[in-house]
Protein backbone atom coordinates (compact mmCIF):
# COMPACT_ATOMS: atom_id res chain seq x y z
CA ALA A 1 -109.03 -29.40 202.59
CA VAL A 2 -105.85 -30.52 200.95
CA VAL A 3 -105.10 -34.23 201.36
CA PRO A 4 -101.46 -35.18 201.83
CA CYS A 5 -100.20 -37.36 198.97
CA ASP A 6 -97.11 -38.56 197.20
CA HIS A 7 -98.44 -38.02 193.68
CA LEU A 8 -100.65 -35.01 192.81
CA ILE A 9 -102.45 -34.52 189.52
CA MET A 10 -103.01 -30.74 189.28
CA GLU A 11 -105.51 -29.03 186.97
CA CYS A 12 -103.76 -25.77 185.91
CA THR A 13 -106.27 -23.59 184.05
CA PHE A 14 -104.81 -20.53 185.75
CA GLY A 15 -101.24 -21.73 186.20
CA LEU A 16 -99.53 -18.39 185.51
CA PRO A 17 -98.54 -15.68 188.01
CA VAL A 18 -100.82 -13.16 186.35
CA PHE A 19 -103.90 -14.99 187.63
CA HIS A 20 -104.79 -13.42 190.99
CA PHE A 21 -108.48 -13.19 191.87
CA LEU A 22 -110.66 -11.14 194.16
CA ASP A 23 -111.96 -12.77 197.31
CA ARG A 24 -115.63 -13.59 197.36
CA GLU A 25 -116.79 -10.57 199.31
CA GLU A 26 -114.83 -8.10 197.23
CA ALA A 27 -116.14 -9.73 193.99
CA ARG A 28 -119.70 -9.56 195.25
CA ARG A 29 -119.21 -5.93 196.28
CA ARG A 30 -117.96 -5.03 192.79
CA ILE A 31 -120.81 -6.96 191.13
CA VAL A 32 -123.42 -5.01 193.11
CA GLN A 33 -121.61 -1.66 192.72
CA PHE A 34 -121.44 -2.06 188.91
CA ALA A 35 -125.18 -2.83 188.78
CA GLN A 36 -126.07 0.16 190.99
CA ASP A 37 -123.91 2.55 188.94
CA CYS A 38 -125.37 1.42 185.66
CA LEU A 39 -128.98 1.58 186.86
CA GLU A 40 -128.46 5.10 188.35
CA ASP A 41 -127.23 6.15 184.87
CA GLY A 42 -130.29 4.61 183.18
CA ALA A 43 -128.15 1.81 181.66
CA THR A 44 -128.68 -1.93 181.78
CA PRO A 45 -125.91 -3.85 183.58
CA ALA A 46 -125.17 -7.21 181.99
CA TYR A 47 -122.81 -9.85 183.42
CA PHE A 48 -121.23 -12.63 181.46
CA GLY A 49 -121.05 -15.80 183.47
CA TYR A 50 -120.67 -19.42 182.64
CA PRO A 51 -123.68 -21.73 182.90
CA LEU A 52 -122.36 -23.40 186.06
CA GLY A 53 -120.49 -21.48 188.72
CA ARG A 54 -120.01 -17.75 188.18
CA GLY A 55 -123.42 -17.17 186.72
CA GLN A 56 -125.17 -18.38 189.85
CA GLU A 57 -122.79 -16.45 192.08
CA VAL A 58 -123.62 -13.28 190.19
CA VAL A 59 -127.36 -13.88 190.51
CA TYR A 60 -126.93 -14.52 194.24
CA ALA A 61 -124.97 -11.25 194.82
CA LEU A 62 -127.52 -9.19 192.85
CA ARG A 63 -130.58 -10.72 194.52
CA GLN A 64 -129.04 -10.28 197.98
CA ALA A 65 -128.64 -6.56 197.12
CA GLY A 66 -132.31 -6.42 196.03
CA ILE A 67 -131.49 -5.80 192.40
CA LEU A 68 -134.09 -6.97 189.91
CA THR A 69 -132.35 -9.68 187.80
CA LEU A 70 -133.12 -11.43 184.52
CA VAL A 71 -131.25 -14.73 184.06
CA HIS A 72 -130.36 -16.60 180.85
CA GLY A 73 -131.86 -20.17 180.79
CA ALA A 74 -128.51 -21.91 180.69
CA ILE A 75 -127.63 -20.26 184.05
CA ALA A 76 -131.12 -20.42 185.52
CA ARG A 77 -131.39 -24.16 185.24
CA PHE A 78 -128.81 -24.63 188.06
CA LEU A 79 -130.18 -21.94 190.41
CA GLN A 80 -132.40 -24.48 192.13
CA VAL A 81 -129.25 -26.42 193.18
CA TYR A 82 -127.81 -23.26 194.68
CA GLN A 83 -131.12 -22.56 196.39
CA LYS A 84 -131.08 -26.01 198.05
CA ALA A 85 -127.49 -25.37 199.23
CA GLY A 86 -128.68 -22.26 201.06
CA TYR A 87 -127.99 -19.49 198.55
CA ASP A 88 -131.18 -17.50 198.37
CA THR A 89 -131.67 -16.32 194.77
CA GLU A 90 -135.46 -15.90 195.02
CA GLY A 91 -137.03 -13.21 192.88
CA TRP A 92 -135.01 -13.61 189.71
CA GLU A 93 -136.84 -13.73 186.36
CA PRO A 94 -136.15 -15.46 183.09
CA TYR A 95 -134.28 -13.35 180.56
CA GLU A 96 -136.70 -11.57 178.30
CA PRO A 97 -135.07 -9.09 175.83
CA ARG A 98 -138.07 -6.76 175.77
CA GLN A 99 -138.18 -6.33 179.56
CA VAL A 100 -134.60 -5.30 180.53
CA LYS A 101 -135.26 -1.70 181.61
CA GLY A 102 -134.34 -1.19 185.22
CA LYS A 103 -132.97 -4.75 185.61
CA ALA A 104 -129.59 -6.48 185.63
CA LEU A 105 -128.93 -9.23 183.16
CA VAL A 106 -126.91 -12.39 183.88
CA VAL A 107 -126.20 -14.10 180.58
CA VAL A 108 -123.71 -16.44 178.94
CA PRO A 109 -120.73 -14.88 177.11
CA GLY A 110 -122.24 -15.93 173.70
CA MET A 111 -124.88 -13.25 174.21
CA ARG A 112 -122.39 -10.39 173.57
CA ASN A 113 -123.49 -9.85 169.94
CA VAL A 114 -127.18 -9.91 170.86
CA LEU A 115 -126.69 -7.34 173.53
CA GLU A 116 -124.56 -5.05 171.34
CA ALA A 117 -127.09 -5.29 168.48
CA SER A 118 -130.08 -4.50 170.75
CA GLY A 119 -129.62 -0.72 170.46
CA ARG A 120 -129.98 -0.31 174.25
CA ASP A 121 -127.51 1.20 176.60
CA VAL A 122 -126.17 -2.13 177.90
CA ARG A 123 -122.90 -2.11 179.90
CA ILE A 124 -121.10 -5.39 180.26
CA ALA A 125 -119.15 -6.81 183.21
CA TYR A 126 -117.02 -9.92 182.74
CA VAL A 127 -116.85 -12.10 185.85
CA SER A 128 -114.19 -14.68 185.24
CA GLY A 129 -110.65 -15.71 186.10
CA TRP A 130 -109.88 -14.72 182.52
CA ALA A 131 -110.69 -11.11 183.48
CA ALA A 132 -107.24 -11.01 185.13
CA LEU A 133 -105.58 -10.97 181.63
CA SER A 134 -104.40 -7.56 180.30
CA ASN A 135 -106.39 -8.12 177.07
CA ALA A 136 -109.56 -9.30 178.78
CA ARG A 137 -111.49 -6.07 178.04
CA GLN A 138 -110.90 -6.31 174.34
CA ARG A 139 -111.46 -10.08 174.25
CA SER A 140 -114.75 -9.97 176.16
CA GLY A 141 -116.06 -6.59 175.03
CA ALA A 142 -116.69 -5.82 178.68
CA GLU A 143 -116.58 -2.34 180.22
CA HIS A 144 -115.91 -3.70 183.69
CA LEU A 145 -113.63 -6.67 184.65
CA ILE A 146 -114.17 -8.68 187.77
CA PRO A 147 -111.37 -11.29 188.15
CA TYR A 148 -113.16 -14.00 190.09
CA SER A 149 -113.20 -17.74 189.41
CA ASP A 150 -114.24 -21.05 190.83
CA HIS A 151 -110.91 -22.42 189.64
CA ALA A 152 -107.82 -22.05 191.81
CA SER A 153 -105.74 -18.94 191.25
CA PHE A 154 -101.95 -19.20 190.66
CA GLY A 155 -101.25 -18.63 194.40
CA GLU A 156 -103.85 -21.23 195.39
CA LEU A 157 -102.29 -23.76 193.04
CA LEU A 158 -98.89 -23.25 194.60
CA GLU A 159 -100.45 -23.59 198.06
CA ILE A 160 -102.17 -26.85 197.18
CA VAL A 161 -98.85 -28.29 195.89
CA GLU A 162 -97.05 -27.21 199.04
CA ARG A 163 -99.70 -28.40 201.46
CA SER A 164 -100.05 -31.79 199.71
CA GLY A 165 -96.41 -32.58 200.26
CA ALA A 166 -96.40 -34.42 196.88
CA ARG A 167 -93.04 -35.47 195.55
CA ARG A 168 -94.49 -35.84 192.03
CA VAL A 169 -96.88 -33.35 190.41
CA ASP A 170 -98.44 -33.95 187.03
CA THR A 171 -100.08 -30.92 185.44
CA VAL A 172 -103.13 -31.20 183.22
CA HIS A 173 -105.42 -28.71 181.42
CA GLY A 174 -104.42 -25.09 181.03
CA TYR A 175 -100.98 -23.65 181.53
CA THR A 176 -99.47 -27.06 182.22
CA ASP A 177 -95.95 -26.58 180.84
CA ALA A 178 -95.49 -23.12 182.35
CA PHE A 179 -96.76 -24.22 185.77
CA ALA A 180 -94.55 -27.32 185.74
CA ARG A 181 -91.50 -25.13 184.89
CA ILE A 182 -92.41 -22.83 187.81
CA LEU A 183 -92.62 -25.79 190.17
CA ARG A 184 -89.29 -27.15 188.98
CA THR A 185 -87.67 -23.70 189.50
CA ARG A 186 -89.14 -23.38 192.99
CA CYS A 187 -88.23 -26.91 194.09
CA GLY A 188 -84.76 -26.92 192.62
């Protein structure tokens, strides 16, 4: 819920119009479809996710679809919190590089070089708000981009400002100057 206020301090990681994200259901559908397509081709689907947020969401989507899933320790350590909040991720296994055949991997972005050097047919999906950028494929090395984030999209940022009724908005972190200019243009 947006709380009405006079002064809003706005975190603007994705404060540019290019940042539009998939809704939760469409993102989950694409996550599962990518895994199914890879596994049917005999390839290993790997998802880059951050240790808190997207990584657990990816595990949840895969496990709900019944896909065997190996999870990097940095992501796995927070799965219990998700489990307690009602997101059933039961059945995942710790990431083990020698046992990836027939399973999806949910790993941190820093694992890219390890996966590429493994010699296996590993296909990478990048699940992040940054996947909305035109150069995301080359930056991440991912075959499949899923623009989905736990940060507010550009449209959501504008909506929060509008719904807050704030007369003063300070922008921090991310595209602060650009978002502030956009707000000044919109508000006259």
